Amino acid sequence: VITSKEVDGRRLGDLAHEEGARGVFVVRVLRSGTPV
């Protein structure tokens, strides 16, 4: 569950290049129960 202020409103592509994203992949995003 996304709760971080630093992540809120950020592009997924930008987050992928940050430290700690290496080796982690996003397979789905749900918003209000609906896939985005």
Full PDB file with SEQRES, HELIX, SHEET, SSBOND, CRYST1, ORIGX, SCALE, CONECT and MASTER records, all heavy atoms in Angstrom:
SEQRES   1 A   36  VAL ILE THR SER LYS GLU VAL ASP GLY ARG ARG LEU GLY          
SEQRES   2 A   36  ASP LEU ALA HIS GLU GLU GLY ALA ARG GLY VAL PHE VAL          
SEQRES   3 A   36  VAL ARG VAL LEU ARG SER GLY THR PRO VAL                      
HELIX    1 AA1 LEU A   12  LEU A   15  1                                   4    
SHEET    1 AA1 2 LEU A  30  ARG A  31  0                                        
SHEET    2 AA1 2 THR A  34  PRO A  35 -1                                        
CRYST1    1.000    1.000    1.000  90.00  90.00  90.00 P 1           1          
ORIGX1      1.000000  0.000000  0.000000        0.00000                         
ORIGX2      0.000000  1.000000  0.000000        0.00000                         
ORIGX3      0.000000  0.000000  1.000000        0.00000                         
SCALE1      1.000000  0.000000  0.000000        0.00000                         
SCALE2      0.000000  1.000000  0.000000        0.00000                         
SCALE3      0.000000  0.000000  1.000000        0.00000                         
ATOM      1  N   VAL A   1       0.858  -1.188   0.000  1.00  0.00           N  
ATOM      2  CA  VAL A   1       0.000   0.000   0.000  1.00  0.00           C  
ATOM      3  C   VAL A   1       0.893   1.236   0.000  1.00  0.00           C  
ATOM      4  O   VAL A   1       1.743   1.391   0.875  1.00  0.00           O  
ATOM      5  CB  VAL A   1      -0.925   0.019   1.235  1.00  0.00           C  
ATOM      6  CG1 VAL A   1      -1.820   1.269   1.204  1.00  0.00           C  
ATOM      7  CG2 VAL A   1      -1.788  -1.232   1.277  1.00  0.00           C  
ATOM      8  N   ILE A   2       0.713   2.116  -0.990  1.00  0.00           N  
ATOM      9  CA  ILE A   2       1.519   3.328  -1.081  1.00  0.00           C  
ATOM     10  C   ILE A   2       1.083   4.307   0.012  1.00  0.00           C  
ATOM     11  O   ILE A   2      -0.075   4.725   0.067  1.00  0.00           O  
ATOM     12  CB  ILE A   2       1.369   4.004  -2.455  1.00  0.00           C  
ATOM     13  CG1 ILE A   2       1.765   3.036  -3.568  1.00  0.00           C  
ATOM     14  CG2 ILE A   2       2.206   5.276  -2.525  1.00  0.00           C  
ATOM     15  CD1 ILE A   2       3.199   2.612  -3.531  1.00  0.00           C  
ATOM     16  N   THR A   3       2.018   4.663   0.894  1.00  0.00           N  
ATOM     17  CA  THR A   3       1.723   5.621   1.957  1.00  0.00           C  
ATOM     18  C   THR A   3       2.754   6.749   2.024  1.00  0.00           C  
ATOM     19  O   THR A   3       2.530   7.749   2.691  1.00  0.00           O  
ATOM     20  CB  THR A   3       1.695   4.921   3.327  1.00  0.00           C  
ATOM     21  OG1 THR A   3       2.989   4.351   3.596  1.00  0.00           O  
ATOM     22  CG2 THR A   3       0.643   3.827   3.374  1.00  0.00           C  
ATOM     23  N   SER A   4       3.865   6.604   1.344  1.00  0.00           N  
ATOM     24  CA  SER A   4       4.971   7.557   1.446  1.00  0.00           C  
ATOM     25  C   SER A   4       4.650   8.882   0.753  1.00  0.00           C  
ATOM     26  O   SER A   4       4.180   8.900  -0.391  1.00  0.00           O  
ATOM     27  CB  SER A   4       6.232   6.943   0.824  1.00  0.00           C  
ATOM     28  OG  SER A   4       7.252   7.903   0.700  1.00  0.00           O  
ATOM     29  N   LYS A   5       4.939   9.986   1.424  1.00  0.00           N  
ATOM     30  CA  LYS A   5       4.787  11.313   0.827  1.00  0.00           C  
ATOM     31  C   LYS A   5       5.723  11.479  -0.363  1.00  0.00           C  
ATOM     32  O   LYS A   5       5.392  12.139  -1.349  1.00  0.00           O  
ATOM     33  CB  LYS A   5       5.092  12.394   1.859  1.00  0.00           C  
ATOM     34  CG  LYS A   5       4.022  12.604   2.915  1.00  0.00           C  
ATOM     35  CD  LYS A   5       4.423  13.754   3.814  1.00  0.00           C  
ATOM     36  CE  LYS A   5       3.367  13.995   4.888  1.00  0.00           C  
ATOM     37  NZ  LYS A   5       3.749  15.125   5.774  1.00  0.00           N  
ATOM     38  N   GLU A   6       6.928  10.906  -0.256  1.00  0.00           N  
ATOM     39  CA  GLU A   6       7.925  11.053  -1.309  1.00  0.00           C  
ATOM     40  C   GLU A   6       7.522  10.332  -2.587  1.00  0.00           C  
ATOM     41  O   GLU A   6       7.946  10.702  -3.682  1.00  0.00           O  
ATOM     42  CB  GLU A   6       9.283  10.514  -0.838  1.00  0.00           C  
ATOM     43  CG  GLU A   6       9.982  11.369   0.214  1.00  0.00           C  
ATOM     44  CD  GLU A   6       9.288  11.306   1.569  1.00  0.00           C  
ATOM     45  OE1 GLU A   6       8.618  10.295   1.834  1.00  0.00           O  
ATOM     46  OE2 GLU A   6       9.411  12.278   2.342  1.00  0.00           O  
ATOM     47  N   VAL A   7       6.702   9.301  -2.464  1.00  0.00           N  
ATOM     48  CA  VAL A   7       6.281   8.520  -3.624  1.00  0.00           C  
ATOM     49  C   VAL A   7       4.976   9.055  -4.216  1.00  0.00           C  
ATOM     50  O   VAL A   7       4.747   8.982  -5.419  1.00  0.00           O  
ATOM     51  CB  VAL A   7       6.113   7.032  -3.225  1.00  0.00           C  
ATOM     52  CG1 VAL A   7       5.513   6.217  -4.364  1.00  0.00           C  
ATOM     53  CG2 VAL A   7       7.462   6.457  -2.812  1.00  0.00           C  
ATOM     54  N   ASP A   8       4.143   9.635  -3.384  1.00  0.00           N  
ATOM     55  CA  ASP A   8       2.838  10.134  -3.819  1.00  0.00           C  
ATOM     56  C   ASP A   8       2.998  11.139  -4.964  1.00  0.00           C  
ATOM     57  O   ASP A   8       3.695  12.135  -4.850  1.00  0.00           O  
ATOM     58  CB  ASP A   8       2.134  10.810  -2.636  1.00  0.00           C  
ATOM     59  CG  ASP A   8       0.719  11.239  -2.973  1.00  0.00           C  
ATOM     60  OD1 ASP A   8       0.072  10.571  -3.802  1.00  0.00           O  
ATOM     61  OD2 ASP A   8       0.257  12.250  -2.407  1.00  0.00           O  
ATOM     62  N   GLY A   9       2.340  10.839  -6.100  1.00  0.00           N  
ATOM     63  CA  GLY A   9       2.386  11.738  -7.246  1.00  0.00           C  
ATOM     64  C   GLY A   9       3.586  11.543  -8.153  1.00  0.00           C  
ATOM     65  O   GLY A   9       3.747  12.281  -9.137  1.00  0.00           O  
ATOM     66  N   ARG A  10       4.435  10.548  -7.884  1.00  0.00           N  
ATOM     67  CA  ARG A  10       5.643  10.312  -8.698  1.00  0.00           C  
ATOM     68  C   ARG A  10       5.340   9.333  -9.833  1.00  0.00           C  
ATOM     69  O   ARG A  10       4.497   8.459  -9.737  1.00  0.00           O  
ATOM     70  CB  ARG A  10       6.755   9.737  -7.816  1.00  0.00           C  
ATOM     71  CG  ARG A  10       7.233  10.659  -6.703  1.00  0.00           C  
ATOM     72  CD  ARG A  10       8.199  11.693  -7.217  1.00  0.00           C  
ATOM     73  NE  ARG A  10       9.339  11.101  -7.912  1.00  0.00           N  
ATOM     74  CZ  ARG A  10      10.401  10.569  -7.283  1.00  0.00           C  
ATOM     75  NH1 ARG A  10      10.455  10.557  -5.957  1.00  0.00           N  
ATOM     76  NH2 ARG A  10      11.400  10.073  -7.988  1.00  0.00           N  
ATOM     77  N   ARG A  11       6.126   9.486 -10.932  1.00  0.00           N  
ATOM     78  CA  ARG A  11       6.025   8.568 -12.066  1.00  0.00           C  
ATOM     79  C   ARG A  11       6.700   7.241 -11.729  1.00  0.00           C  
ATOM     80  O   ARG A  11       7.755   7.216 -11.086  1.00  0.00           O  
ATOM     81  CB  ARG A  11       6.682   9.169 -13.305  1.00  0.00           C  
ATOM     82  CG  ARG A  11       5.989  10.370 -13.887  1.00  0.00           C  
ATOM     83  CD  ARG A  11       6.833  11.022 -14.973  1.00  0.00           C  
ATOM     84  NE  ARG A  11       7.141  10.122 -16.081  1.00  0.00           N  
ATOM     85  CZ  ARG A  11       8.310   9.536 -16.281  1.00  0.00           C  
ATOM     86  NH1 ARG A  11       9.315   9.723 -15.422  1.00  0.00           N  
ATOM     87  NH2 ARG A  11       8.507   8.741 -17.309  1.00  0.00           N  
ATOM     88  N   LEU A  12       6.103   6.169 -12.198  1.00  0.00           N  
ATOM     89  CA  LEU A  12       6.668   4.842 -11.963  1.00  0.00           C  
ATOM     90  C   LEU A  12       8.040   4.721 -12.615  1.00  0.00           C  
ATOM     91  O   LEU A  12       8.963   4.129 -12.050  1.00  0.00           O  
ATOM     92  CB  LEU A  12       5.714   3.782 -12.520  1.00  0.00           C  
ATOM     93  CG  LEU A  12       5.913   2.336 -12.070  1.00  0.00           C  
ATOM     94  CD1 LEU A  12       5.839   2.232 -10.560  1.00  0.00           C  
ATOM     95  CD2 LEU A  12       4.859   1.442 -12.714  1.00  0.00           C  
ATOM     96  N   GLY A  13       8.191   5.317 -13.808  1.00  0.00           N  
ATOM     97  CA  GLY A  13       9.463   5.248 -14.511  1.00  0.00           C  
ATOM     98  C   GLY A  13      10.582   5.945 -13.756  1.00  0.00           C  
ATOM     99  O   GLY A  13      11.732   5.495 -13.771  1.00  0.00           O  
ATOM    100  N   ASP A  14      10.268   7.067 -13.094  1.00  0.00           N  
ATOM    101  CA  ASP A  14      11.286   7.777 -12.319  1.00  0.00           C  
ATOM    102  C   ASP A  14      11.704   6.960 -11.100  1.00  0.00           C  
ATOM    103  O   ASP A  14      12.888   6.895 -10.754  1.00  0.00           O  
ATOM    104  CB  ASP A  14      10.752   9.140 -11.869  1.00  0.00           C  
ATOM    105  CG  ASP A  14      10.542  10.092 -13.035  1.00  0.00           C  
ATOM    106  OD1 ASP A  14      11.182   9.874 -14.081  1.00  0.00           O  
ATOM    107  OD2 ASP A  14       9.726  11.018 -12.904  1.00  0.00           O  
ATOM    108  N   LEU A  15      10.730   6.339 -10.456  1.00  0.00           N  
ATOM    109  CA  LEU A  15      11.031   5.546  -9.258  1.00  0.00           C  
ATOM    110  C   LEU A  15      11.892   4.332  -9.605  1.00  0.00           C  
ATOM    111  O   LEU A  15      12.664   3.860  -8.773  1.00  0.00           O  
ATOM    112  CB  LEU A  15       9.727   5.089  -8.597  1.00  0.00           C  
ATOM    113  CG  LEU A  15       8.858   6.205  -7.996  1.00  0.00           C  
ATOM    114  CD1 LEU A  15       7.513   5.645  -7.569  1.00  0.00           C  
ATOM    115  CD2 LEU A  15       9.568   6.836  -6.804  1.00  0.00           C  
ATOM    116  N   ALA A  16      11.753   3.831 -10.836  1.00  0.00           N  
ATOM    117  CA  ALA A  16      12.492   2.628 -11.234  1.00  0.00           C  
ATOM    118  C   ALA A  16      13.992   2.858 -11.260  1.00  0.00           C  
ATOM    119  O   ALA A  16      14.773   1.906 -11.170  1.00  0.00           O  
ATOM    120  CB  ALA A  16      12.013   2.165 -12.608  1.00  0.00           C  
ATOM    121  N   HIS A  17      14.422   4.109 -11.355  1.00  0.00           N  
ATOM    122  CA  HIS A  17      15.858   4.405 -11.442  1.00  0.00           C  
ATOM    123  C   HIS A  17      16.446   4.827 -10.105  1.00  0.00           C  
ATOM    124  O   HIS A  17      17.638   5.142 -10.033  1.00  0.00           O  
ATOM    125  CB  HIS A  17      16.095   5.510 -12.478  1.00  0.00           C  
ATOM    126  CG  HIS A  17      15.663   5.134 -13.865  1.00  0.00           C  
ATOM    127  ND1 HIS A  17      16.268   4.132 -14.589  1.00  0.00           N  
ATOM    128  CD2 HIS A  17      14.656   5.603 -14.641  1.00  0.00           C  
ATOM    129  CE1 HIS A  17      15.676   4.015 -15.760  1.00  0.00           C  
ATOM    130  NE2 HIS A  17      14.696   4.891 -15.818  1.00  0.00           N  
ATOM    131  N   GLU A  18      15.636   4.824  -9.072  1.00  0.00           N  
ATOM    132  CA  GLU A  18      16.141   5.236  -7.773  1.00  0.00           C  
ATOM    133  C   GLU A  18      16.808   4.072  -7.039  1.00  0.00           C  
ATOM    134  O   GLU A  18      16.569   2.901  -7.340  1.00  0.00           O  
ATOM    135  CB  GLU A  18      15.009   5.812  -6.917  1.00  0.00           C  
ATOM    136  CG  GLU A  18      14.496   7.148  -7.435  1.00  0.00           C  
ATOM    137  CD  GLU A  18      13.651   7.870  -6.410  1.00  0.00           C  
ATOM    138  OE1 GLU A  18      13.365   7.273  -5.352  1.00  0.00           O  
ATOM    139  OE2 GLU A  18      13.279   9.030  -6.674  1.00  0.00           O  
ATOM    140  N   GLU A  19      17.631   4.422  -6.070  1.00  0.00           N  
ATOM    141  CA  GLU A  19      18.306   3.401  -5.260  1.00  0.00           C  
ATOM    142  C   GLU A  19      17.261   2.554  -4.529  1.00  0.00           C  
ATOM    143  O   GLU A  19      16.301   3.074  -3.971  1.00  0.00           O  
ATOM    144  CB  GLU A  19      19.226   4.083  -4.243  1.00  0.00           C  
ATOM    145  CG  GLU A  19      20.037   3.107  -3.414  1.00  0.00           C  
ATOM    146  CD  GLU A  19      20.915   3.816  -2.395  1.00  0.00           C  
ATOM    147  OE1 GLU A  19      20.935   5.068  -2.396  1.00  0.00           O  
ATOM    148  OE2 GLU A  19      21.550   3.112  -1.602  1.00  0.00           O  
ATOM    149  N   GLY A  20      17.444   1.282  -4.564  1.00  0.00           N  
ATOM    150  CA  GLY A  20      16.503   0.383  -3.905  1.00  0.00           C  
ATOM    151  C   GLY A  20      15.509  -0.240  -4.857  1.00  0.00           C  
ATOM    152  O   GLY A  20      14.798  -1.183  -4.491  1.00  0.00           O  
ATOM    153  N   ALA A  21      15.436   0.269  -6.116  1.00  0.00           N  
ATOM    154  CA  ALA A  21      14.491  -0.294  -7.081  1.00  0.00           C  
ATOM    155  C   ALA A  21      15.107  -1.436  -7.884  1.00  0.00           C  
ATOM    156  O   ALA A  21      14.393  -2.154  -8.584  1.00  0.00           O  
ATOM    157  CB  ALA A  21      14.014   0.797  -8.037  1.00  0.00           C  
ATOM    158  N   ARG A  22      16.420  -1.615  -7.795  1.00  0.00           N  
ATOM    159  CA  ARG A  22      17.094  -2.648  -8.568  1.00  0.00           C  
ATOM    160  C   ARG A  22      16.573  -4.030  -8.183  1.00  0.00           C  
ATOM    161  O   ARG A  22      16.542  -4.401  -7.018  1.00  0.00           O  
ATOM    162  CB  ARG A  22      18.603  -2.574  -8.319  1.00  0.00           C  
ATOM    163  CG  ARG A  22      19.424  -3.535  -9.154  1.00  0.00           C  
ATOM    164  CD  ARG A  22      20.917  -3.325  -8.939  1.00  0.00           C  
ATOM    165  NE  ARG A  22      21.678  -4.254  -9.747  1.00  0.00           N  
ATOM    166  CZ  ARG A  22      22.009  -5.480  -9.342  1.00  0.00           C  
ATOM    167  NH1 ARG A  22      21.645  -5.882  -8.135  1.00  0.00           N  
ATOM    168  NH2 ARG A  22      22.700  -6.278 -10.137  1.00  0.00           N  
ATOM    169  N   GLY A  23      16.173  -4.786  -9.202  1.00  0.00           N  
ATOM    170  CA  GLY A  23      15.695  -6.147  -8.972  1.00  0.00           C  
ATOM    171  C   GLY A  23      14.249  -6.230  -8.537  1.00  0.00           C  
ATOM    172  O   GLY A  23      13.775  -7.308  -8.191  1.00  0.00           O  
ATOM    173  N   VAL A  24      13.544  -5.100  -8.553  1.00  0.00           N  
ATOM    174  CA  VAL A  24      12.129  -5.095  -8.150  1.00  0.00           C  
ATOM    175  C   VAL A  24      11.285  -4.683  -9.354  1.00  0.00           C  
ATOM    176  O   VAL A  24      11.581  -3.684 -10.018  1.00  0.00           O  
ATOM    177  CB  VAL A  24      11.878  -4.109  -6.989  1.00  0.00           C  
ATOM    178  CG1 VAL A  24      10.418  -4.127  -6.589  1.00  0.00           C  
ATOM    179  CG2 VAL A  24      12.760  -4.461  -5.803  1.00  0.00           C  
ATOM    180  N   PHE A  25      10.229  -5.440  -9.614  1.00  0.00           N  
ATOM    181  CA  PHE A  25       9.385  -5.177 -10.773  1.00  0.00           C  
ATOM    182  C   PHE A  25       7.926  -5.006 -10.327  1.00  0.00           C  
ATOM    183  O   PHE A  25       7.455  -5.707  -9.429  1.00  0.00           O  
ATOM    184  CB  PHE A  25       9.484  -6.317 -11.780  1.00  0.00           C  
ATOM    185  CG  PHE A  25      10.887  -6.579 -12.238  1.00  0.00           C  
ATOM    186  CD1 PHE A  25      11.683  -7.514 -11.592  1.00  0.00           C  
ATOM    187  CD2 PHE A  25      11.424  -5.882 -13.304  1.00  0.00           C  
ATOM    188  CE1 PHE A  25      12.989  -7.764 -11.998  1.00  0.00           C  
ATOM    189  CE2 PHE A  25      12.727  -6.116 -13.720  1.00  0.00           C  
ATOM    190  CZ  PHE A  25      13.512  -7.055 -13.070  1.00  0.00           C  
ATOM    191  N   VAL A  26       7.228  -4.081 -10.956  1.00  0.00           N  
ATOM    192  CA  VAL A  26       5.810  -3.836 -10.667  1.00  0.00           C  
ATOM    193  C   VAL A  26       4.979  -4.589 -11.693  1.00  0.00           C  
ATOM    194  O   VAL A  26       5.152  -4.403 -12.908  1.00  0.00           O  
ATOM    195  CB  VAL A  26       5.479  -2.332 -10.732  1.00  0.00           C  
ATOM    196  CG1 VAL A  26       3.992  -2.096 -10.520  1.00  0.00           C  
ATOM    197  CG2 VAL A  26       6.286  -1.566  -9.694  1.00  0.00           C  
ATOM    198  N   VAL A  27       4.083  -5.434 -11.227  1.00  0.00           N  
ATOM    199  CA  VAL A  27       3.254  -6.219 -12.146  1.00  0.00           C  
ATOM    200  C   VAL A  27       1.815  -5.729 -12.194  1.00  0.00           C  
ATOM    201  O   VAL A  27       1.076  -6.054 -13.129  1.00  0.00           O  
ATOM    202  CB  VAL A  27       3.269  -7.717 -11.756  1.00  0.00           C  
ATOM    203  CG1 VAL A  27       4.664  -8.277 -11.887  1.00  0.00           C  
ATOM    204  CG2 VAL A  27       2.744  -7.931 -10.340  1.00  0.00           C  
ATOM    205  N   ARG A  28       1.398  -4.929 -11.196  1.00  0.00           N  
ATOM    206  CA  ARG A  28       0.012  -4.442 -11.219  1.00  0.00           C  
ATOM    207  C   ARG A  28      -0.131  -3.275 -10.249  1.00  0.00           C  
ATOM    208  O   ARG A  28       0.551  -3.217  -9.222  1.00  0.00           O  
ATOM    209  CB  ARG A  28      -0.971  -5.553 -10.827  1.00  0.00           C  
ATOM    210  CG  ARG A  28      -2.442  -5.159 -10.948  1.00  0.00           C  
ATOM    211  CD  ARG A  28      -3.347  -6.329 -10.621  1.00  0.00           C  
ATOM    212  NE  ARG A  28      -3.202  -6.744  -9.223  1.00  0.00           N  
ATOM    213  CZ  ARG A  28      -3.967  -7.659  -8.626  1.00  0.00           C  
ATOM    214  NH1 ARG A  28      -4.898  -8.286  -9.318  1.00  0.00           N  
ATOM    215  NH2 ARG A  28      -3.778  -7.965  -7.360  1.00  0.00           N  
ATOM    216  N   VAL A  29      -0.990  -2.337 -10.608  1.00  0.00           N  
ATOM    217  CA  VAL A  29      -1.352  -1.242  -9.717  1.00  0.00           C  
ATOM    218  C   VAL A  29      -2.865  -1.205  -9.605  1.00  0.00           C  
ATOM    219  O   VAL A  29      -3.566  -1.133 -10.617  1.00  0.00           O  
ATOM    220  CB  VAL A  29      -0.838   0.122 -10.242  1.00  0.00           C  
ATOM    221  CG1 VAL A  29      -1.294   1.250  -9.319  1.00  0.00           C  
ATOM    222  CG2 VAL A  29       0.677   0.124 -10.366  1.00  0.00           C  
ATOM    223  N   LEU A  30      -3.372  -1.294  -8.367  1.00  0.00           N  
ATOM    224  CA  LEU A  30      -4.812  -1.217  -8.120  1.00  0.00           C  
ATOM    225  C   LEU A  30      -5.140   0.126  -7.485  1.00  0.00           C  
ATOM    226  O   LEU A  30      -4.478   0.555  -6.546  1.00  0.00           O  
ATOM    227  CB  LEU A  30      -5.268  -2.340  -7.187  1.00  0.00           C  
ATOM    228  CG  LEU A  30      -5.311  -3.752  -7.746  1.00  0.00           C  
ATOM    229  CD1 LEU A  30      -5.772  -4.721  -6.664  1.00  0.00           C  
ATOM    230  CD2 LEU A  30      -6.222  -3.855  -8.949  1.00  0.00           C  
ATOM    231  N   ARG A  31      -6.175   0.770  -7.990  1.00  0.00           N  
ATOM    232  CA  ARG A  31      -6.632   2.056  -7.441  1.00  0.00           C  
ATOM    233  C   ARG A  31      -8.131   1.943  -7.174  1.00  0.00           C  
ATOM    234  O   ARG A  31      -8.910   1.732  -8.087  1.00  0.00           O  
ATOM    235  CB  ARG A  31      -6.326   3.185  -8.424  1.00  0.00           C  
ATOM    236  CG  ARG A  31      -6.681   4.579  -7.942  1.00  0.00           C  
ATOM    237  CD  ARG A  31      -6.026   5.600  -8.858  1.00  0.00           C  
ATOM    238  NE  ARG A  31      -4.566   5.505  -8.784  1.00  0.00           N  
ATOM    239  CZ  ARG A  31      -3.755   5.942  -9.748  1.00  0.00           C  
ATOM    240  NH1 ARG A  31      -4.234   6.492 -10.842  1.00  0.00           N  
ATOM    241  NH2 ARG A  31      -2.437   5.813  -9.601  1.00  0.00           N  
ATOM    242  N   SER A  32      -8.513   2.034  -5.901  1.00  0.00           N  
ATOM    243  CA  SER A  32      -9.913   1.849  -5.502  1.00  0.00           C  
ATOM    244  C   SER A  32     -10.433   0.504  -5.986  1.00  0.00           C  
ATOM    245  O   SER A  32     -11.581   0.357  -6.383  1.00  0.00           O  
ATOM    246  CB  SER A  32     -10.796   2.967  -6.044  1.00  0.00           C  
ATOM    247  OG  SER A  32     -10.410   4.224  -5.530  1.00  0.00           O  
ATOM    248  N   GLY A  33      -9.542  -0.499  -5.991  1.00  0.00           N  
ATOM    249  CA  GLY A  33      -9.928  -1.845  -6.384  1.00  0.00           C  
ATOM    250  C   GLY A  33      -9.918  -2.092  -7.877  1.00  0.00           C  
ATOM    251  O   GLY A  33     -10.184  -3.210  -8.318  1.00  0.00           O  
ATOM    252  N   THR A  34      -9.600  -1.076  -8.698  1.00  0.00           N  
ATOM    253  CA  THR A  34      -9.621  -1.200 -10.156  1.00  0.00           C  
ATOM    254  C   THR A  34      -8.200  -1.156 -10.697  1.00  0.00           C  
ATOM    255  O   THR A  34      -7.430  -0.258 -10.342  1.00  0.00           O  
ATOM    256  CB  THR A  34     -10.440  -0.060 -10.789  1.00  0.00           C  
ATOM    257  OG1 THR A  34     -11.763  -0.077 -10.257  1.00  0.00           O  
ATOM    258  CG2 THR A  34     -10.502  -0.209 -12.302  1.00  0.00           C  
ATOM    259  N   PRO A  35      -7.809  -2.099 -11.593  1.00  0.00           N  
ATOM    260  CA  PRO A  35      -6.466  -2.065 -12.173  1.00  0.00           C  
ATOM    261  C   PRO A  35      -6.255  -0.798 -12.996  1.00  0.00           C  
ATOM    262  O   PRO A  35      -7.136  -0.356 -13.723  1.00  0.00           O  
ATOM    263  CB  PRO A  35      -6.438  -3.318 -13.066  1.00  0.00           C  
ATOM    264  CG  PRO A  35      -7.509  -4.205 -12.536  1.00  0.00           C  
ATOM    265  CD  PRO A  35      -8.573  -3.291 -12.023  1.00  0.00           C  
ATOM    266  N   VAL A  36      -5.074  -0.208 -12.863  1.00  0.00           N  
ATOM    267  CA  VAL A  36      -4.695   0.988 -13.613  1.00  0.00           C  
ATOM    268  C   VAL A  36      -3.688   0.590 -14.682  1.00  0.00           C  
ATOM    269  O   VAL A  36      -2.856  -0.287 -14.460  1.00  0.00           O  
ATOM    270  CB  VAL A  36      -4.081   2.044 -12.673  1.00  0.00           C  
ATOM    271  CG1 VAL A  36      -3.605   3.264 -13.451  1.00  0.00           C  
ATOM    272  CG2 VAL A  36      -5.097   2.461 -11.622  1.00  0.00           C  
TER     273      VAL A  36                                                      
MASTER        0    0    0    1    2    0    0    6  272    1    0    3          
END                                                                             
